Amino acid sequence: MYAVIYQFDVIQGQEEDFETLWQMVTESFIQHAGGLGSRLHKNETGSYIAYAQWPDKKAWETARQKLPKTAIENLQRMNGYCEEITVLFNMDVKNDLLK
């Protein structure tokens, strides 16, 4: 299993729209690109942190090209609500105790 941790710095006042689109985009990655799901968190400074799981690195690297046009448009809209998007970590899962 492969995990990617993102940080999204969302433009103030756009949080609700971002969260709605994040859910839609995540569901598209699950449905069309083999994503295993994601969790969205908000830290104490107001940044969103997302933890996404994939079967392997290749699935993550090729996921975007598997999305339908509407999902790509939603991804672009979601990204437009962000001042900055950073991949903090991408890594192989070695031991998984989440339930």
PDB file of N, CA and C in Angstrom:
ATOM      1  N   MET A   1       0.840  -1.169   0.000  1.00  0.00           N
ATOM      2  CA  MET A   1       0.000   0.000   0.000  1.00  0.00           C
ATOM      3  C   MET A   1       0.888   1.237   0.000  1.00  0.00           C
ATOM      4  N   TYR A   2       0.364   2.314  -0.588  1.00  0.00           N
ATOM      5  CA  TYR A   2       1.103   3.555  -0.752  1.00  0.00           C
ATOM      6  C   TYR A   2       0.272   4.690  -0.169  1.00  0.00           C
ATOM      7  N   ALA A   3       0.904   5.608   0.515  1.00  0.00           N
ATOM      8  CA  ALA A   3       0.195   6.732   1.133  1.00  0.00           C
ATOM      9  C   ALA A   3       0.801   8.053   0.688  1.00  0.00           C
ATOM     10  N   VAL A   4      -0.067   9.032   0.525  1.00  0.00           N
ATOM     11  CA  VAL A   4       0.357  10.384   0.165  1.00  0.00           C
ATOM     12  C   VAL A   4      -0.310  11.348   1.141  1.00  0.00           C
ATOM     13  N   ILE A   5       0.481  12.274   1.675  1.00  0.00           N
ATOM     14  CA  ILE A   5      -0.046  13.270   2.600  1.00  0.00           C
ATOM     15  C   ILE A   5       0.121  14.645   1.966  1.00  0.00           C
ATOM     16  N   TYR A   6      -1.005  15.327   1.832  1.00  0.00           N
ATOM     17  CA  TYR A   6      -1.053  16.645   1.199  1.00  0.00           C
ATOM     18  C   TYR A   6      -1.362  17.719   2.234  1.00  0.00           C
ATOM     19  N   GLN A   7      -0.893  18.933   1.950  1.00  0.00           N
ATOM     20  CA  GLN A   7      -1.325  20.112   2.699  1.00  0.00           C
ATOM     21  C   GLN A   7      -1.983  21.068   1.718  1.00  0.00           C
ATOM     22  N   PHE A   8      -3.204  21.489   2.051  1.00  0.00           N
ATOM     23  CA  PHE A   8      -3.941  22.454   1.245  1.00  0.00           C
ATOM     24  C   PHE A   8      -4.112  23.727   2.065  1.00  0.00           C
ATOM     25  N   ASP A   9      -3.586  24.834   1.569  1.00  0.00           N
ATOM     26  CA  ASP A   9      -3.807  26.131   2.201  1.00  0.00           C
ATOM     27  C   ASP A   9      -4.928  26.804   1.417  1.00  0.00           C
ATOM     28  N   VAL A  10      -6.120  26.773   1.991  1.00  0.00           N
ATOM     29  CA  VAL A  10      -7.338  27.200   1.306  1.00  0.00           C
ATOM     30  C   VAL A  10      -7.550  28.699   1.513  1.00  0.00           C
ATOM     31  N   ILE A  11      -7.983  29.359   0.451  1.00  0.00           N
ATOM     32  CA  ILE A  11      -8.288  30.785   0.507  1.00  0.00           C
ATOM     33  C   ILE A  11      -9.404  31.008   1.529  1.00  0.00           C
ATOM     34  N   GLN A  12      -9.206  31.991   2.397  1.00  0.00           N
ATOM     35  CA  GLN A  12     -10.184  32.267   3.443  1.00  0.00           C
ATOM     36  C   GLN A  12     -11.554  32.535   2.824  1.00  0.00           C
ATOM     37  N   GLY A  13     -12.569  31.913   3.390  1.00  0.00           N
ATOM     38  CA  GLY A  13     -13.929  32.059   2.902  1.00  0.00           C
ATOM     39  C   GLY A  13     -14.330  31.010   1.878  1.00  0.00           C
ATOM     40  N   GLN A  14     -13.377  30.197   1.428  1.00  0.00           N
ATOM     41  CA  GLN A  14     -13.646  29.174   0.419  1.00  0.00           C
ATOM     42  C   GLN A  14     -13.640  27.759   1.004  1.00  0.00           C
ATOM     43  N   GLU A  15     -13.577  27.658   2.314  1.00  0.00           N
ATOM     44  CA  GLU A  15     -13.425  26.357   2.962  1.00  0.00           C
ATOM     45  C   GLU A  15     -14.571  25.389   2.645  1.00  0.00           C
ATOM     46  N   GLU A  16     -15.795  25.861   2.711  1.00  0.00           N
ATOM     47  CA  GLU A  16     -16.936  24.970   2.479  1.00  0.00           C
ATOM     48  C   GLU A  16     -16.931  24.433   1.047  1.00  0.00           C
ATOM     49  N   ASP A  17     -16.671  25.312   0.082  1.00  0.00           N
ATOM     50  CA  ASP A  17     -16.601  24.871  -1.316  1.00  0.00           C
ATOM     51  C   ASP A  17     -15.450  23.894  -1.523  1.00  0.00           C
ATOM     52  N   PHE A  18     -14.301  24.183  -0.907  1.00  0.00           N
ATOM     53  CA  PHE A  18     -13.160  23.279  -1.002  1.00  0.00           C
ATOM     54  C   PHE A  18     -13.518  21.899  -0.463  1.00  0.00           C
ATOM     55  N   GLU A  19     -14.125  21.846   0.720  1.00  0.00           N
ATOM     56  CA  GLU A  19     -14.463  20.561   1.336  1.00  0.00           C
ATOM     57  C   GLU A  19     -15.438  19.763   0.471  1.00  0.00           C
ATOM     58  N   THR A  20     -16.410  20.435  -0.114  1.00  0.00           N
ATOM     59  CA  THR A  20     -17.369  19.760  -0.995  1.00  0.00           C
ATOM     60  C   THR A  20     -16.666  19.167  -2.206  1.00  0.00           C
ATOM     61  N   LEU A  21     -15.811  19.961  -2.835  1.00  0.00           N
ATOM     62  CA  LEU A  21     -15.101  19.470  -4.018  1.00  0.00           C
ATOM     63  C   LEU A  21     -14.075  18.410  -3.654  1.00  0.00           C
ATOM     64  N   TRP A  22     -13.414  18.545  -2.502  1.00  0.00           N
ATOM     65  CA  TRP A  22     -12.464  17.515  -2.072  1.00  0.00           C
ATOM     66  C   TRP A  22     -13.166  16.163  -1.995  1.00  0.00           C
ATOM     67  N   GLN A  23     -14.368  16.133  -1.428  1.00  0.00           N
ATOM     68  CA  GLN A  23     -15.106  14.878  -1.322  1.00  0.00           C
ATOM     69  C   GLN A  23     -15.458  14.337  -2.707  1.00  0.00           C
ATOM     70  N   MET A  24     -15.911  15.197  -3.598  1.00  0.00           N
ATOM     71  CA  MET A  24     -16.267  14.756  -4.946  1.00  0.00           C
ATOM     72  C   MET A  24     -15.049  14.209  -5.686  1.00  0.00           C
ATOM     73  N   VAL A  25     -13.929  14.913  -5.574  1.00  0.00           N
ATOM     74  CA  VAL A  25     -12.698  14.489  -6.251  1.00  0.00           C
ATOM     75  C   VAL A  25     -12.205  13.166  -5.674  1.00  0.00           C
ATOM     76  N   THR A  26     -12.224  13.043  -4.362  1.00  0.00           N
ATOM     77  CA  THR A  26     -11.789  11.800  -3.728  1.00  0.00           C
ATOM     78  C   THR A  26     -12.654  10.628  -4.177  1.00  0.00           C
ATOM     79  N   GLU A  27     -13.963  10.827  -4.220  1.00  0.00           N
ATOM     80  CA  GLU A  27     -14.858   9.770  -4.690  1.00  0.00           C
ATOM     81  C   GLU A  27     -14.570   9.400  -6.145  1.00  0.00           C
ATOM     82  N   SER A  28     -14.196  10.376  -6.969  1.00  0.00           N
ATOM     83  CA  SER A  28     -13.840  10.091  -8.365  1.00  0.00           C
ATOM     84  C   SER A  28     -12.568   9.259  -8.454  1.00  0.00           C
ATOM     85  N   PHE A  29     -11.577   9.584  -7.615  1.00  0.00           N
ATOM     86  CA  PHE A  29     -10.353   8.785  -7.612  1.00  0.00           C
ATOM     87  C   PHE A  29     -10.640   7.347  -7.185  1.00  0.00           C
ATOM     88  N   ILE A  30     -11.543   7.160  -6.249  1.00  0.00           N
ATOM     89  CA  ILE A  30     -11.914   5.807  -5.822  1.00  0.00           C
ATOM     90  C   ILE A  30     -12.629   5.074  -6.955  1.00  0.00           C
ATOM     91  N   GLN A  31     -13.603   5.742  -7.556  1.00  0.00           N
ATOM     92  CA  GLN A  31     -14.444   5.102  -8.569  1.00  0.00           C
ATOM     93  C   GLN A  31     -13.717   4.822  -9.880  1.00  0.00           C
ATOM     94  N   HIS A  32     -12.850   5.739 -10.308  1.00  0.00           N
ATOM     95  CA  HIS A  32     -12.274   5.649 -11.646  1.00  0.00           C
ATOM     96  C   HIS A  32     -10.785   5.305 -11.693  1.00  0.00           C
ATOM     97  N   ALA A  33     -10.066   5.507 -10.592  1.00  0.00           N
ATOM     98  CA  ALA A  33      -8.608   5.424 -10.681  1.00  0.00           C
ATOM     99  C   ALA A  33      -7.975   4.486  -9.660  1.00  0.00           C
ATOM    100  N   GLY A  34      -8.776   3.728  -8.939  1.00  0.00           N
ATOM    101  CA  GLY A  34      -8.209   2.749  -8.024  1.00  0.00           C
ATOM    102  C   GLY A  34      -7.784   3.281  -6.678  1.00  0.00           C
ATOM    103  N   GLY A  35      -8.132   4.535  -6.364  1.00  0.00           N
ATOM    104  CA  GLY A  35      -7.811   5.075  -5.053  1.00  0.00           C
ATOM    105  C   GLY A  35      -8.507   4.284  -3.956  1.00  0.00           C
ATOM    106  N   LEU A  36      -7.871   4.190  -2.804  1.00  0.00           N
ATOM    107  CA  LEU A  36      -8.431   3.442  -1.678  1.00  0.00           C
ATOM    108  C   LEU A  36      -9.144   4.331  -0.673  1.00  0.00           C
ATOM    109  N   GLY A  37      -9.123   5.630  -0.915  1.00  0.00           N
ATOM    110  CA  GLY A  37      -9.806   6.558  -0.029  1.00  0.00           C
ATOM    111  C   GLY A  37      -8.853   7.541   0.614  1.00  0.00           C
ATOM    112  N   SER A  38      -9.421   8.472   1.350  1.00  0.00           N
ATOM    113  CA  SER A  38      -8.641   9.541   1.942  1.00  0.00           C
ATOM    114  C   SER A  38      -9.350  10.057   3.184  1.00  0.00           C
ATOM    115  N   ARG A  39      -8.595  10.701   4.030  1.00  0.00           N
ATOM    116  CA  ARG A  39      -9.133  11.401   5.199  1.00  0.00           C
ATOM    117  C   ARG A  39      -8.699  12.855   5.102  1.00  0.00           C
ATOM    118  N   LEU A  40      -9.632  13.750   5.409  1.00  0.00           N
ATOM    119  CA  LEU A  40      -9.322  15.178   5.399  1.00  0.00           C
ATOM    120  C   LEU A  40      -9.327  15.690   6.830  1.00  0.00           C
ATOM    121  N   HIS A  41      -8.268  16.387   7.195  1.00  0.00           N
ATOM    122  CA  HIS A  41      -8.114  16.956   8.531  1.00  0.00           C
ATOM    123  C   HIS A  41      -7.897  18.462   8.386  1.00  0.00           C
ATOM    124  N   LYS A  42      -8.140  19.185   9.452  1.00  0.00           N
ATOM    125  CA  LYS A  42      -7.812  20.610   9.487  1.00  0.00           C
ATOM    126  C   LYS A  42      -6.949  20.841  10.714  1.00  0.00           C
ATOM    127  N   ASN A  43      -5.757  21.418  10.508  1.00  0.00           N
ATOM    128  CA  ASN A  43      -4.850  21.594  11.641  1.00  0.00           C
ATOM    129  C   ASN A  43      -5.118  22.910  12.371  1.00  0.00           C
ATOM    130  N   GLU A  44      -4.356  23.149  13.416  1.00  0.00           N
ATOM    131  CA  GLU A  44      -4.580  24.311  14.281  1.00  0.00           C
ATOM    132  C   GLU A  44      -4.323  25.635  13.583  1.00  0.00           C
ATOM    133  N   THR A  45      -3.544  25.632  12.510  1.00  0.00           N
ATOM    134  CA  THR A  45      -3.264  26.878  11.792  1.00  0.00           C
ATOM    135  C   THR A  45      -4.254  27.123  10.657  1.00  0.00           C
ATOM    136  N   GLY A  46      -5.193  26.194  10.458  1.00  0.00           N
ATOM    137  CA  GLY A  46      -6.211  26.371   9.427  1.00  0.00           C
ATOM    138  C   GLY A  46      -5.922  25.668   8.121  1.00  0.00           C
ATOM    139  N   SER A  47      -4.761  25.044   8.002  1.00  0.00           N
ATOM    140  CA  SER A  47      -4.448  24.284   6.790  1.00  0.00           C
ATOM    141  C   SER A  47      -5.168  22.948   6.824  1.00  0.00           C
ATOM    142  N   TYR A  48      -5.540  22.473   5.655  1.00  0.00           N
ATOM    143  CA  TYR A  48      -6.126  21.144   5.531  1.00  0.00           C
ATOM    144  C   TYR A  48      -5.013  20.149   5.235  1.00  0.00           C
ATOM    145  N   ILE A  49      -5.067  19.010   5.888  1.00  0.00           N
ATOM    146  CA  ILE A  49      -4.125  17.923   5.656  1.00  0.00           C
ATOM    147  C   ILE A  49      -4.942  16.712   5.216  1.00  0.00           C
ATOM    148  N   ALA A  50      -4.581  16.138   4.079  1.00  0.00           N
ATOM    149  CA  ALA A  50      -5.284  14.953   3.578  1.00  0.00           C
ATOM    150  C   ALA A  50      -4.310  13.787   3.519  1.00  0.00           C
ATOM    151  N   TYR A  51      -4.790  12.658   3.978  1.00  0.00           N
ATOM    152  CA  TYR A  51      -4.045  11.402   3.937  1.00  0.00           C
ATOM    153  C   TYR A  51      -4.771  10.506   2.942  1.00  0.00           C
ATOM    154  N   ALA A  52      -4.110  10.167   1.841  1.00  0.00           N
ATOM    155  CA  ALA A  52      -4.731   9.340   0.798  1.00  0.00           C
ATOM    156  C   ALA A  52      -3.982   8.024   0.665  1.00  0.00           C
ATOM    157  N   GLN A  53      -4.733   6.944   0.446  1.00  0.00           N
ATOM    158  CA  GLN A  53      -4.118   5.627   0.261  1.00  0.00           C
ATOM    159  C   GLN A  53      -4.356   5.128  -1.156  1.00  0.00           C
ATOM    160  N   TRP A  54      -3.337   4.448  -1.658  1.00  0.00           N
ATOM    161  CA  TRP A  54      -3.347   3.871  -3.003  1.00  0.00           C
ATOM    162  C   TRP A  54      -2.805   2.447  -2.927  1.00  0.00           C
ATOM    163  N   PRO A  55      -3.154   1.607  -3.875  1.00  0.00           N
ATOM    164  CA  PRO A  55      -2.609   0.245  -3.861  1.00  0.00           C
ATOM    165  C   PRO A  55      -1.085   0.231  -3.968  1.00  0.00           C
ATOM    166  N   ASP A  56      -0.546   1.152  -4.775  1.00  0.00           N
ATOM    167  CA  ASP A  56       0.901   1.237  -4.978  1.00  0.00           C
ATOM    168  C   ASP A  56       1.234   2.589  -5.603  1.00  0.00           C
ATOM    169  N   LYS A  57       2.523   2.869  -5.733  1.00  0.00           N
ATOM    170  CA  LYS A  57       2.976   4.159  -6.256  1.00  0.00           C
ATOM    171  C   LYS A  57       2.505   4.383  -7.690  1.00  0.00           C
ATOM    172  N   LYS A  58       2.561   3.351  -8.516  1.00  0.00           N
ATOM    173  CA  LYS A  58       2.150   3.505  -9.913  1.00  0.00           C
ATOM    174  C   LYS A  58       0.682   3.913 -10.018  1.00  0.00           C
ATOM    175  N   ALA A  59      -0.177   3.335  -9.192  1.00  0.00           N
ATOM    176  CA  ALA A  59      -1.597   3.702  -9.207  1.00  0.00           C
ATOM    177  C   ALA A  59      -1.769   5.190  -8.914  1.00  0.00           C
ATOM    178  N   TRP A  60      -1.005   5.711  -7.957  1.00  0.00           N
ATOM    179  CA  TRP A  60      -1.067   7.138  -7.631  1.00  0.00           C
ATOM    180  C   TRP A  60      -0.550   7.984  -8.790  1.00  0.00           C
ATOM    181  N   GLU A  61       0.570   7.569  -9.368  1.00  0.00           N
ATOM    182  CA  GLU A  61       1.186   8.347 -10.441  1.00  0.00           C
ATOM    183  C   GLU A  61       0.323   8.413 -11.698  1.00  0.00           C
ATOM    184  N   THR A  62      -0.478   7.401 -11.953  1.00  0.00           N
ATOM    185  CA  THR A  62      -1.280   7.351 -13.181  1.00  0.00           C
ATOM    186  C   THR A  62      -2.757   7.680 -12.949  1.00  0.00           C
ATOM    187  N   ALA A  63      -3.121   8.003 -11.737  1.00  0.00           N
ATOM    188  CA  ALA A  63      -4.534   8.171 -11.383  1.00  0.00           C
ATOM    189  C   ALA A  63      -5.218   9.293 -12.156  1.00  0.00           C
ATOM    190  N   ARG A  64      -4.579  10.417 -12.272  1.00  0.00           N
ATOM    191  CA  ARG A  64      -5.239  11.578 -12.892  1.00  0.00           C
ATOM    192  C   ARG A  64      -5.655  11.297 -14.329  1.00  0.00           C
ATOM    193  N   GLN A  65      -4.835  10.574 -15.060  1.00  0.00           N
ATOM    194  CA  GLN A  65      -5.162  10.311 -16.464  1.00  0.00           C
ATOM    195  C   GLN A  65      -6.345   9.360 -16.621  1.00  0.00           C
ATOM    196  N   LYS A  66      -6.772   8.725 -15.549  1.00  0.00           N
ATOM    197  CA  LYS A  66      -7.914   7.806 -15.594  1.00  0.00           C
ATOM    198  C   LYS A  66      -9.240   8.495 -15.260  1.00  0.00           C
ATOM    199  N   LEU A  67      -9.172   9.735 -14.818  1.00  0.00           N
ATOM    200  CA  LEU A  67     -10.381  10.443 -14.417  1.00  0.00           C
ATOM    201  C   LEU A  67     -11.165  10.935 -15.625  1.00  0.00           C
ATOM    202  N   PRO A  68     -12.497  10.925 -15.540  1.00  0.00           N
ATOM    203  CA  PRO A  68     -13.305  11.515 -16.602  1.00  0.00           C
ATOM    204  C   PRO A  68     -13.184  13.041 -16.580  1.00  0.00           C
ATOM    205  N   LYS A  69     -13.616  13.653 -17.656  1.00  0.00           N
ATOM    206  CA  LYS A  69     -13.481  15.102 -17.817  1.00  0.00           C
ATOM    207  C   LYS A  69     -14.118  15.877 -16.660  1.00  0.00           C
ATOM    208  N   THR A  70     -15.290  15.460 -16.220  1.00  0.00           N
ATOM    209  CA  THR A  70     -15.959  16.188 -15.131  1.00  0.00           C
ATOM    210  C   THR A  70     -15.153  16.129 -13.835  1.00  0.00           C
ATOM    211  N   ALA A  71     -14.497  15.015 -13.579  1.00  0.00           N
ATOM    212  CA  ALA A  71     -13.670  14.897 -12.375  1.00  0.00           C
ATOM    213  C   ALA A  71     -12.434  15.785 -12.475  1.00  0.00           C
ATOM    214  N   ILE A  72     -11.844  15.872 -13.666  1.00  0.00           N
ATOM    215  CA  ILE A  72     -10.697  16.772 -13.878  1.00  0.00           C
ATOM    216  C   ILE A  72     -11.128  18.216 -13.636  1.00  0.00           C
ATOM    217  N   GLU A  73     -12.297  18.571 -14.139  1.00  0.00           N
ATOM    218  CA  GLU A  73     -12.813  19.928 -13.921  1.00  0.00           C
ATOM    219  C   GLU A  73     -13.032  20.199 -12.440  1.00  0.00           C
ATOM    220  N   ASN A  74     -13.579  19.233 -11.711  1.00  0.00           N
ATOM    221  CA  ASN A  74     -13.759  19.396 -10.262  1.00  0.00           C
ATOM    222  C   ASN A  74     -12.425  19.522  -9.547  1.00  0.00           C
ATOM    223  N   LEU A  75     -11.429  18.744  -9.973  1.00  0.00           N
ATOM    224  CA  LEU A  75     -10.089  18.832  -9.388  1.00  0.00           C
ATOM    225  C   LEU A  75      -9.500  20.223  -9.612  1.00  0.00           C
ATOM    226  N   GLN A  76      -9.657  20.754 -10.811  1.00  0.00           N
ATOM    227  CA  GLN A  76      -9.150  22.094 -11.113  1.00  0.00           C
ATOM    228  C   GLN A  76      -9.872  23.156 -10.285  1.00  0.00           C
ATOM    229  N   ARG A  77     -11.180  23.009 -10.134  1.00  0.00           N
ATOM    230  CA  ARG A  77     -11.945  23.949  -9.306  1.00  0.00           C
ATOM    231  C   ARG A  77     -11.490  23.872  -7.850  1.00  0.00           C
ATOM    232  N   MET A  78     -11.310  22.643  -7.343  1.00  0.00           N
ATOM    233  CA  MET A  78     -10.844  22.464  -5.972  1.00  0.00           C
ATOM    234  C   MET A  78      -9.484  23.139  -5.785  1.00  0.00           C
ATOM    235  N   ASN A  79      -8.582  22.898  -6.711  1.00  0.00           N
ATOM    236  CA  ASN A  79      -7.254  23.500  -6.621  1.00  0.00           C
ATOM    237  C   ASN A  79      -7.321  25.023  -6.679  1.00  0.00           C
ATOM    238  N   GLY A  80      -8.316  25.553  -7.397  1.00  0.00           N
ATOM    239  CA  GLY A  80      -8.485  26.996  -7.498  1.00  0.00           C
ATOM    240  C   GLY A  80      -8.871  27.658  -6.184  1.00  0.00           C
ATOM    241  N   TYR A  81      -9.385  26.893  -5.250  1.00  0.00           N
ATOM    242  CA  TYR A  81      -9.726  27.421  -3.932  1.00  0.00           C
ATOM    243  C   TYR A  81      -8.519  27.444  -2.994  1.00  0.00           C
ATOM    244  N   CYS A  82      -7.367  27.039  -3.493  1.00  0.00           N
ATOM    245  CA  CYS A  82      -6.170  26.932  -2.654  1.00  0.00           C
ATOM    246  C   CYS A  82      -5.140  27.990  -3.009  1.00  0.00           C
ATOM    247  N   GLU A  83      -4.528  28.552  -1.978  1.00  0.00           N
ATOM    248  CA  GLU A  83      -3.380  29.426  -2.176  1.00  0.00           C
ATOM    249  C   GLU A  83      -2.145  28.602  -2.503  1.00  0.00           C
ATOM    250  N   GLU A  84      -2.060  27.429  -1.874  1.00  0.00           N
ATOM    251  CA  GLU A  84      -0.909  26.543  -2.087  1.00  0.00           C
ATOM    252  C   GLU A  84      -1.311  25.106  -1.785  1.00  0.00           C
ATOM    253  N   ILE A  85      -0.751  24.184  -2.569  1.00  0.00           N
ATOM    254  CA  ILE A  85      -0.940  22.748  -2.351  1.00  0.00           C
ATOM    255  C   ILE A  85       0.443  22.118  -2.307  1.00  0.00           C
ATOM    256  N   THR A  86       0.707  21.360  -1.261  1.00  0.00           N
ATOM    257  CA  THR A  86       2.015  20.745  -1.088  1.00  0.00           C
ATOM    258  C   THR A  86       1.854  19.254  -0.814  1.00  0.00           C
ATOM    259  N   VAL A  87       2.645  18.443  -1.494  1.00  0.00           N
ATOM    260  CA  VAL A  87       2.750  17.030  -1.124  1.00  0.00           C
ATOM    261  C   VAL A  87       3.800  16.972  -0.020  1.00  0.00           C
ATOM    262  N   LEU A  88       3.355  16.708   1.199  1.00  0.00           N
ATOM    263  CA  LEU A  88       4.275  16.675   2.337  1.00  0.00           C
ATOM    264  C   LEU A  88       5.080  15.389   2.362  1.00  0.00           C
ATOM    265  N   PHE A  89       4.401  14.275   2.100  1.00  0.00           N
ATOM    266  CA  PHE A  89       5.053  12.967   2.116  1.00  0.00           C
ATOM    267  C   PHE A  89       4.378  12.069   1.099  1.00  0.00           C
ATOM    268  N   ASN A  90       5.146  11.223   0.466  1.00  0.00           N
ATOM    269  CA  ASN A  90       4.611  10.086  -0.280  1.00  0.00           C
ATOM    270  C   ASN A  90       5.497   8.904   0.089  1.00  0.00           C
ATOM    271  N   MET A  91       4.832   7.793   0.480  1.00  0.00           N
ATOM    272  CA  MET A  91       5.592   6.723   1.125  1.00  0.00           C
ATOM    273  C   MET A  91       4.852   5.398   1.066  1.00  0.00           C
ATOM    274  N   ASP A  92       5.617   4.343   1.209  1.00  0.00           N
ATOM    275  CA  ASP A  92       5.046   3.005   1.313  1.00  0.00           C
ATOM    276  C   ASP A  92       4.588   2.760   2.746  1.00  0.00           C
ATOM    277  N   VAL A  93       3.447   2.101   2.887  1.00  0.00           N
ATOM    278  CA  VAL A  93       2.944   1.722   4.207  1.00  0.00           C
ATOM    279  C   VAL A  93       3.682   0.457   4.642  1.00  0.00           C
ATOM    280  N   LYS A  94       4.249   0.478   5.828  1.00  0.00           N
ATOM    281  CA  LYS A  94       4.993  -0.669   6.344  1.00  0.00           C
ATOM    282  C   LYS A  94       4.222  -1.445   7.402  1.00  0.00           C
ATOM    283  N   ASN A  95       3.371  -0.767   8.154  1.00  0.00           N
ATOM    284  CA  ASN A  95       2.587  -1.424   9.191  1.00  0.00           C
ATOM    285  C   ASN A  95       1.310  -0.621   9.357  1.00  0.00           C
ATOM    286  N   ASP A  96       0.163  -1.249   9.252  1.00  0.00           N
ATOM    287  CA  ASP A  96      -1.115  -0.540   9.244  1.00  0.00           C
ATOM    288  C   ASP A  96      -2.001  -1.038  10.377  1.00  0.00           C
ATOM    289  N   LEU A  97      -2.245  -0.171  11.354  1.00  0.00           N
ATOM    290  CA  LEU A  97      -3.101  -0.527  12.476  1.00  0.00           C
ATOM    291  C   LEU A  97      -4.364   0.327  12.522  1.00  0.00           C
ATOM    292  N   LEU A  98      -4.649   1.082  11.452  1.00  0.00           N
ATOM    293  CA  LEU A  98      -5.898   1.845  11.399  1.00  0.00           C
ATOM    294  C   LEU A  98      -7.076   0.907  11.250  1.00  0.00           C
ATOM    295  N   LYS A  99      -8.183   1.264  11.851  1.00  0.00           N
ATOM    296  CA  LYS A  99      -9.401   0.452  11.742  1.00  0.00           C
ATOM    297  C   LYS A  99     -10.474   1.243  11.079  1.00  0.00           C
TER     298      LYS A  99
END
